[in-house]
Each structure stands twice: as C-alpha cells, then as structure tokens.
C-alpha atoms as a PDB file:
ATOM      1  CA  MET A   1      21.568 -86.246  14.972  1.00  0.00           C
ATOM      2  CA  GLU A   2      19.965 -83.190  16.607  1.00  0.00           C
ATOM      3  CA  LYS A   3      20.855 -80.032  14.798  1.00  0.00           C
ATOM      4  CA  LYS A   4      21.401 -76.668  16.388  1.00  0.00           C
ATOM      5  CA  CYS A   5      21.069 -73.254  15.160  1.00  0.00           C
ATOM      6  CA  SER A   6      24.466 -71.918  13.890  1.00  0.00           C
ATOM      7  CA  PHE A   7      23.841 -68.560  15.535  1.00  0.00           C
ATOM      8  CA  CYS A   8      22.002 -68.923  18.823  1.00  0.00           C
ATOM      9  CA  ASP A   9      22.555 -72.759  19.536  1.00  0.00           C
ATOM     10  CA  ALA A  10      18.919 -73.361  19.897  1.00  0.00           C
ATOM     11  CA  PRO A  11      17.854 -76.923  19.132  1.00  0.00           C
ATOM     12  CA  LEU A  12      16.061 -77.554  15.775  1.00  0.00           C
ATOM     13  CA  GLU A  13      13.169 -79.869  15.703  1.00  0.00           C
ATOM     14  CA  PRO A  14      13.055 -82.167  12.645  1.00  0.00           C
ATOM     15  CA  GLY A  15      11.171 -80.611   9.867  1.00  0.00           C
ATOM     16  CA  SER A  16      11.705 -77.021  11.099  1.00  0.00           C
ATOM     17  CA  GLY A  17      14.319 -74.196  10.552  1.00  0.00           C
ATOM     18  CA  MET A  18      16.282 -73.299   7.449  1.00  0.00           C
ATOM     19  CA  MET A  19      19.542 -74.518   5.998  1.00  0.00           C
ATOM     20  CA  PHE A  20      21.830 -72.032   4.135  1.00  0.00           C
ATOM     21  CA  VAL A  21      24.701 -73.443   1.915  1.00  0.00           C
ATOM     22  CA  LYS A  22      27.563 -70.918   0.979  1.00  0.00           C
ATOM     23  CA  ARG A  23      29.362 -71.220  -2.292  1.00  0.00           C
ATOM     24  CA  ASP A  24      32.449 -72.855  -0.547  1.00  0.00           C
ATOM     25  CA  GLY A  25      30.140 -75.643   0.816  1.00  0.00           C
ATOM     26  CA  THR A  26      29.738 -74.375   4.448  1.00  0.00           C
ATOM     27  CA  VAL A  27      26.388 -75.311   5.763  1.00  0.00           C
ATOM     28  CA  TYR A  28      24.519 -73.113   8.315  1.00  0.00           C
ATOM     29  CA  TYR A  29      21.309 -74.023  10.173  1.00  0.00           C
ATOM     30  CA  PHE A  30      19.024 -71.388  11.397  1.00  0.00           C
ATOM     31  CA  CYS A  31      16.063 -71.566  13.801  1.00  0.00           C
ATOM     32  CA  SER A  32      14.455 -68.347  12.635  1.00  0.00           C
ATOM     33  CA  SER A  33      14.887 -65.515  10.165  1.00  0.00           C
ATOM     34  CA  LYS A  34      16.135 -63.394  13.064  1.00  0.00           C
ATOM     35  CA  CYS A  35      19.113 -65.508  13.383  1.00  0.00           C
ATOM     36  CA  GLU A  36      19.570 -65.807   9.683  1.00  0.00           C
ATOM     37  CA  ARG A  37      19.396 -62.053   9.238  1.00  0.00           C
ATOM     38  CA  ASN A  38      21.689 -61.269  12.173  1.00  0.00           C
ATOM     39  CA  MET A  39      24.404 -63.580  10.970  1.00  0.00           C
ATOM     40  CA  LEU A  40      24.426 -63.155   7.141  1.00  0.00           C
ATOM     41  CA  LYS A  41      22.957 -59.788   6.366  1.00  0.00           C
ATOM     42  CA  LEU A  42      23.955 -57.655   9.440  1.00  0.00           C
ATOM     43  CA  ARG A  43      27.098 -59.703  10.129  1.00  0.00           C
ATOM     44  CA  ARG A  44      26.646 -59.559  13.891  1.00  0.00           C
ATOM     45  CA  LYS A  45      28.581 -61.763  16.351  1.00  0.00           C
ATOM     46  CA  ARG A  46      26.622 -63.711  18.845  1.00  0.00           C
ATOM     47  CA  ARG A  47      28.877 -62.915  21.679  1.00  0.00           C
ATOM     48  CA  LYS A  48      27.890 -59.389  21.468  1.00  0.00           C
ATOM     49  CA  LEU A  49      24.119 -59.981  21.606  1.00  0.00           C
ATOM     50  CA  LYS A  50      22.405 -60.683  24.956  1.00  0.00           C
ATOM     51  CA  TRP A  51      19.560 -62.868  23.511  1.00  0.00           C
ATOM     52  CA  ALA A  52      22.064 -65.266  21.890  1.00  0.00           C
ATOM     53  CA  ALA A  53      23.310 -68.252  23.715  1.00  0.00           C
ATOM     54  CA  GLY A  54      27.120 -67.464  23.283  1.00  0.00           C
ATOM     55  CA  ALA A  55      26.753 -63.850  24.694  1.00  0.00           C
ATOM     56  CA  LYS A  56      29.253 -62.716  27.132  1.00  0.00           C
ATOM     57  CA  GLU A  57      28.068 -61.542  30.621  1.00  0.00           C
END
C-alpha cells in the first residue's frame, strides 16, 4: 500500500516521512515538517495554498 501525505498528497517512500496519531485514533502521514506544521500547528487548509496538491486555481 502506497501512503500519501495527508496534507499535500505527495507519495511517501517506504521508510520516509512522519506518522502523527491523534488522541482519537486518527492517523496522519506527512512527507515533511512543512506539511505537518501547516496542518497541525498553523491549521491551514490545503485548498488555499498554491504549493499543495489540492489547491484551487
């Protein structure tokens, strides 16, 4: 199973990236600390960021 970044949808190579598990059991995978920081700490939406895959044009 190929995992993807929960924020930018970039594919994760085996043995790379980070896994974050919330208290309720939700699992997030991140390709970089940039994605982790934007989603969890800064609470940004990926559709508003041009560099993220789910951005609106």
